[in-house]
């Protein structure tokens, strides 16, 4: 379960990171580029962790749908378009859940290096 959570978080992080960077202004992008060690030391509100966990199902659904579509196409332009659509839907899912992309990405980064946080979020998923 931990590997699945981490894999899902990393995939979401990468996808959301690209989407957020594409739409962010320079100061927001600089904030998101903080070293992972600094972000891993952050404390997160219980509500943010619950929101992070709750949105994973929606992100998994989007990821599965668009992964299948990407595998079915050999057209590079169509693949890029599908990736952009998936990124936008993921960003919207996170925002609709009441979380900003920066907080989502910070939690996803912290999960990589904080086993206690990973266990806490994993327990919320069950």
C-alpha atoms as a PDB file:
ATOM      1  CA  UNK A   1       0.000   0.000   0.000  1.00  0.00           C
ATOM      2  CA  UNK A   2       2.843   2.385   0.836  1.00  0.00           C
ATOM      3  CA  UNK A   3       4.455   1.863  -2.565  1.00  0.00           C
ATOM      4  CA  UNK A   4       1.117   2.437  -4.280  1.00  0.00           C
ATOM      5  CA  UNK A   5       0.534   5.628  -2.298  1.00  0.00           C
ATOM      6  CA  UNK A   6       4.012   6.885  -3.046  1.00  0.00           C
ATOM      7  CA  UNK A   7       3.728   5.993  -6.739  1.00  0.00           C
ATOM      8  CA  UNK A   8       0.358   7.715  -7.007  1.00  0.00           C
ATOM      9  CA  UNK A   9       1.646  10.756  -5.165  1.00  0.00           C
ATOM     10  CA  UNK A  10       4.753  10.968  -7.336  1.00  0.00           C
ATOM     11  CA  UNK A  11       2.756  10.613 -10.531  1.00  0.00           C
ATOM     12  CA  UNK A  12       0.332  13.261  -9.337  1.00  0.00           C
ATOM     13  CA  UNK A  13       3.200  15.451  -8.221  1.00  0.00           C
ATOM     14  CA  UNK A  14       4.872  15.259 -11.593  1.00  0.00           C
ATOM     15  CA  UNK A  15       1.649  15.875 -13.479  1.00  0.00           C
ATOM     16  CA  UNK A  16       0.454  18.629 -11.192  1.00  0.00           C
ATOM     17  CA  UNK A  17       3.913  20.147 -11.027  1.00  0.00           C
ATOM     18  CA  UNK A  18       4.005  20.537 -14.796  1.00  0.00           C
ATOM     19  CA  UNK A  19       0.501  21.963 -14.894  1.00  0.00           C
ATOM     20  CA  UNK A  20       1.174  24.316 -12.005  1.00  0.00           C
ATOM     21  CA  UNK A  21       4.441  25.495 -13.508  1.00  0.00           C
ATOM     22  CA  UNK A  22       2.778  26.102 -16.845  1.00  0.00           C
ATOM     23  CA  UNK A  23       0.161  28.331 -15.241  1.00  0.00           C
ATOM     24  CA  UNK A  24       2.168  29.847 -12.385  1.00  0.00           C
ATOM     25  CA  UNK A  25       3.881  33.182 -12.456  1.00  0.00           C
ATOM     26  CA  UNK A  26       7.618  33.356 -11.785  1.00  0.00           C
ATOM     27  CA  UNK A  27       7.362  33.964  -8.042  1.00  0.00           C
ATOM     28  CA  UNK A  28       5.049  30.979  -7.559  1.00  0.00           C
ATOM     29  CA  UNK A  29       7.383  28.791  -9.605  1.00  0.00           C
ATOM     30  CA  UNK A  30      10.318  29.862  -7.450  1.00  0.00           C
ATOM     31  CA  UNK A  31       8.366  28.942  -4.312  1.00  0.00           C
ATOM     32  CA  UNK A  32       7.591  25.491  -5.711  1.00  0.00           C
ATOM     33  CA  UNK A  33      11.259  24.942  -6.511  1.00  0.00           C
ATOM     34  CA  UNK A  34      12.318  24.852  -2.850  1.00  0.00           C
ATOM     35  CA  UNK A  35      14.605  21.963  -1.954  1.00  0.00           C
ATOM     36  CA  UNK A  36      12.806  18.741  -1.048  1.00  0.00           C
ATOM     37  CA  UNK A  37      14.572  18.592   2.310  1.00  0.00           C
ATOM     38  CA  UNK A  38      13.127  21.941   3.274  1.00  0.00           C
ATOM     39  CA  UNK A  39       9.642  20.889   2.170  1.00  0.00           C
ATOM     40  CA  UNK A  40       9.919  17.524   3.934  1.00  0.00           C
ATOM     41  CA  UNK A  41      10.368  19.347   7.243  1.00  0.00           C
ATOM     42  CA  UNK A  42       7.077  21.179   6.861  1.00  0.00           C
ATOM     43  CA  UNK A  43       4.178  20.514   9.183  1.00  0.00           C
ATOM     44  CA  UNK A  44       0.804  19.959   7.569  1.00  0.00           C
ATOM     45  CA  UNK A  45      -2.638  20.579   8.995  1.00  0.00           C
ATOM     46  CA  UNK A  46      -4.672  17.428   9.582  1.00  0.00           C
ATOM     47  CA  UNK A  47      -7.346  18.853   7.291  1.00  0.00           C
ATOM     48  CA  UNK A  48      -4.810  19.224   4.456  1.00  0.00           C
ATOM     49  CA  UNK A  49      -3.661  15.635   4.880  1.00  0.00           C
ATOM     50  CA  UNK A  50      -7.254  14.421   4.801  1.00  0.00           C
ATOM     51  CA  UNK A  51      -7.939  16.453   1.672  1.00  0.00           C
ATOM     52  CA  UNK A  52      -4.772  15.086   0.073  1.00  0.00           C
ATOM     53  CA  UNK A  53      -5.872  11.528   0.847  1.00  0.00           C
ATOM     54  CA  UNK A  54      -9.457  12.097  -0.258  1.00  0.00           C
ATOM     55  CA  UNK A  55      -8.500  13.434  -3.691  1.00  0.00           C
ATOM     56  CA  UNK A  56      -6.331  10.398  -4.512  1.00  0.00           C
ATOM     57  CA  UNK A  57      -9.314   8.389  -5.772  1.00  0.00           C
ATOM     58  CA  UNK A  58     -10.255  11.111  -8.244  1.00  0.00           C
ATOM     59  CA  UNK A  59      -6.656  11.417  -9.407  1.00  0.00           C
ATOM     60  CA  UNK A  60      -6.361   7.644  -9.803  1.00  0.00           C
ATOM     61  CA  UNK A  61      -9.481   7.641 -11.980  1.00  0.00           C
ATOM     62  CA  UNK A  62      -8.143  10.436 -14.179  1.00  0.00           C
ATOM     63  CA  UNK A  63      -4.721   8.775 -14.354  1.00  0.00           C
ATOM     64  CA  UNK A  64      -6.198   5.401 -15.359  1.00  0.00           C
ATOM     65  CA  UNK A  65      -8.488   6.929 -17.996  1.00  0.00           C
ATOM     66  CA  UNK A  66      -5.761   8.998 -19.607  1.00  0.00           C
ATOM     67  CA  UNK A  67      -3.116   6.275 -19.358  1.00  0.00           C
ATOM     68  CA  UNK A  68      -5.366   4.019 -21.426  1.00  0.00           C
ATOM     69  CA  UNK A  69      -5.941   6.808 -23.944  1.00  0.00           C
ATOM     70  CA  UNK A  70      -2.224   7.539 -24.176  1.00  0.00           C
ATOM     71  CA  UNK A  71      -1.392   3.892 -24.779  1.00  0.00           C
ATOM     72  CA  UNK A  72      -3.975   3.786 -27.568  1.00  0.00           C
ATOM     73  CA  UNK A  73      -2.459   6.653 -29.546  1.00  0.00           C
ATOM     74  CA  UNK A  74       0.742   6.823 -31.546  1.00  0.00           C
ATOM     75  CA  UNK A  75       0.223  10.447 -32.583  1.00  0.00           C
ATOM     76  CA  UNK A  76       2.685  12.664 -30.694  1.00  0.00           C
ATOM     77  CA  UNK A  77       0.449  15.733 -30.886  1.00  0.00           C
ATOM     78  CA  UNK A  78      -2.561  13.814 -29.632  1.00  0.00           C
ATOM     79  CA  UNK A  79      -0.465  12.358 -26.792  1.00  0.00           C
ATOM     80  CA  UNK A  80       0.685  15.834 -25.746  1.00  0.00           C
ATOM     81  CA  UNK A  81      -2.899  17.075 -25.897  1.00  0.00           C
ATOM     82  CA  UNK A  82      -4.079  14.158 -23.736  1.00  0.00           C
ATOM     83  CA  UNK A  83      -1.324  14.809 -21.198  1.00  0.00           C
ATOM     84  CA  UNK A  84      -2.345  18.469 -20.988  1.00  0.00           C
ATOM     85  CA  UNK A  85      -6.010  17.505 -20.532  1.00  0.00           C
ATOM     86  CA  UNK A  86      -5.112  15.028 -17.788  1.00  0.00           C
ATOM     87  CA  UNK A  87      -2.961  17.614 -16.037  1.00  0.00           C
ATOM     88  CA  UNK A  88      -5.723  20.188 -16.140  1.00  0.00           C
ATOM     89  CA  UNK A  89      -8.307  17.717 -14.810  1.00  0.00           C
ATOM     90  CA  UNK A  90      -5.964  16.747 -11.975  1.00  0.00           C
ATOM     91  CA  UNK A  91      -5.346  20.374 -11.067  1.00  0.00           C
ATOM     92  CA  UNK A  92      -9.081  21.018 -11.079  1.00  0.00           C
ATOM     93  CA  UNK A  93      -9.737  17.925  -8.922  1.00  0.00           C
ATOM     94  CA  UNK A  94      -7.249  19.123  -6.308  1.00  0.00           C
ATOM     95  CA  UNK A  95      -8.601  22.657  -6.356  1.00  0.00           C
ATOM     96  CA  UNK A  96     -12.225  21.438  -6.250  1.00  0.00           C
ATOM     97  CA  UNK A  97     -11.306  19.468  -3.126  1.00  0.00           C
ATOM     98  CA  UNK A  98     -10.314  22.787  -1.538  1.00  0.00           C
ATOM     99  CA  UNK A  99      -6.533  22.482  -1.760  1.00  0.00           C
ATOM    100  CA  UNK A 100      -4.054  24.615  -3.646  1.00  0.00           C
ATOM    101  CA  UNK A 101      -1.516  22.930  -5.917  1.00  0.00           C
ATOM    102  CA  UNK A 102       1.472  24.143  -3.918  1.00  0.00           C
ATOM    103  CA  UNK A 103       0.185  22.486  -0.720  1.00  0.00           C
ATOM    104  CA  UNK A 104      -0.625  19.280  -2.611  1.00  0.00           C
ATOM    105  CA  UNK A 105       2.871  19.190  -4.128  1.00  0.00           C
ATOM    106  CA  UNK A 106       4.508  19.941  -0.765  1.00  0.00           C
ATOM    107  CA  UNK A 107       2.685  17.020   0.855  1.00  0.00           C
ATOM    108  CA  UNK A 108       3.573  14.723  -2.055  1.00  0.00           C
ATOM    109  CA  UNK A 109       7.247  15.714  -1.753  1.00  0.00           C
ATOM    110  CA  UNK A 110       7.230  15.235   2.013  1.00  0.00           C
ATOM    111  CA  UNK A 111       5.822  11.717   1.596  1.00  0.00           C
ATOM    112  CA  UNK A 112       9.042  10.737  -0.171  1.00  0.00           C
ATOM    113  CA  UNK A 113      11.235  11.315   2.862  1.00  0.00           C
ATOM    114  CA  UNK A 114       8.920  11.140   5.880  1.00  0.00           C
ATOM    115  CA  UNK A 115       7.850   7.579   6.744  1.00  0.00           C
ATOM    116  CA  UNK A 116       5.626   8.759   9.599  1.00  0.00           C
ATOM    117  CA  UNK A 117       3.736  11.118   7.329  1.00  0.00           C
ATOM    118  CA  UNK A 118       3.489   8.381   4.701  1.00  0.00           C
ATOM    119  CA  UNK A 119       1.985   6.033   7.312  1.00  0.00           C
ATOM    120  CA  UNK A 120      -0.455   8.712   8.457  1.00  0.00           C
ATOM    121  CA  UNK A 121      -1.704   9.441   4.941  1.00  0.00           C
ATOM    122  CA  UNK A 122      -1.781   5.732   4.106  1.00  0.00           C
ATOM    123  CA  UNK A 123      -4.038   5.114   7.110  1.00  0.00           C
ATOM    124  CA  UNK A 124      -6.403   7.821   5.815  1.00  0.00           C
ATOM    125  CA  UNK A 125      -6.688   5.997   2.504  1.00  0.00           C
ATOM    126  CA  UNK A 126      -7.928   2.816   4.156  1.00  0.00           C
END
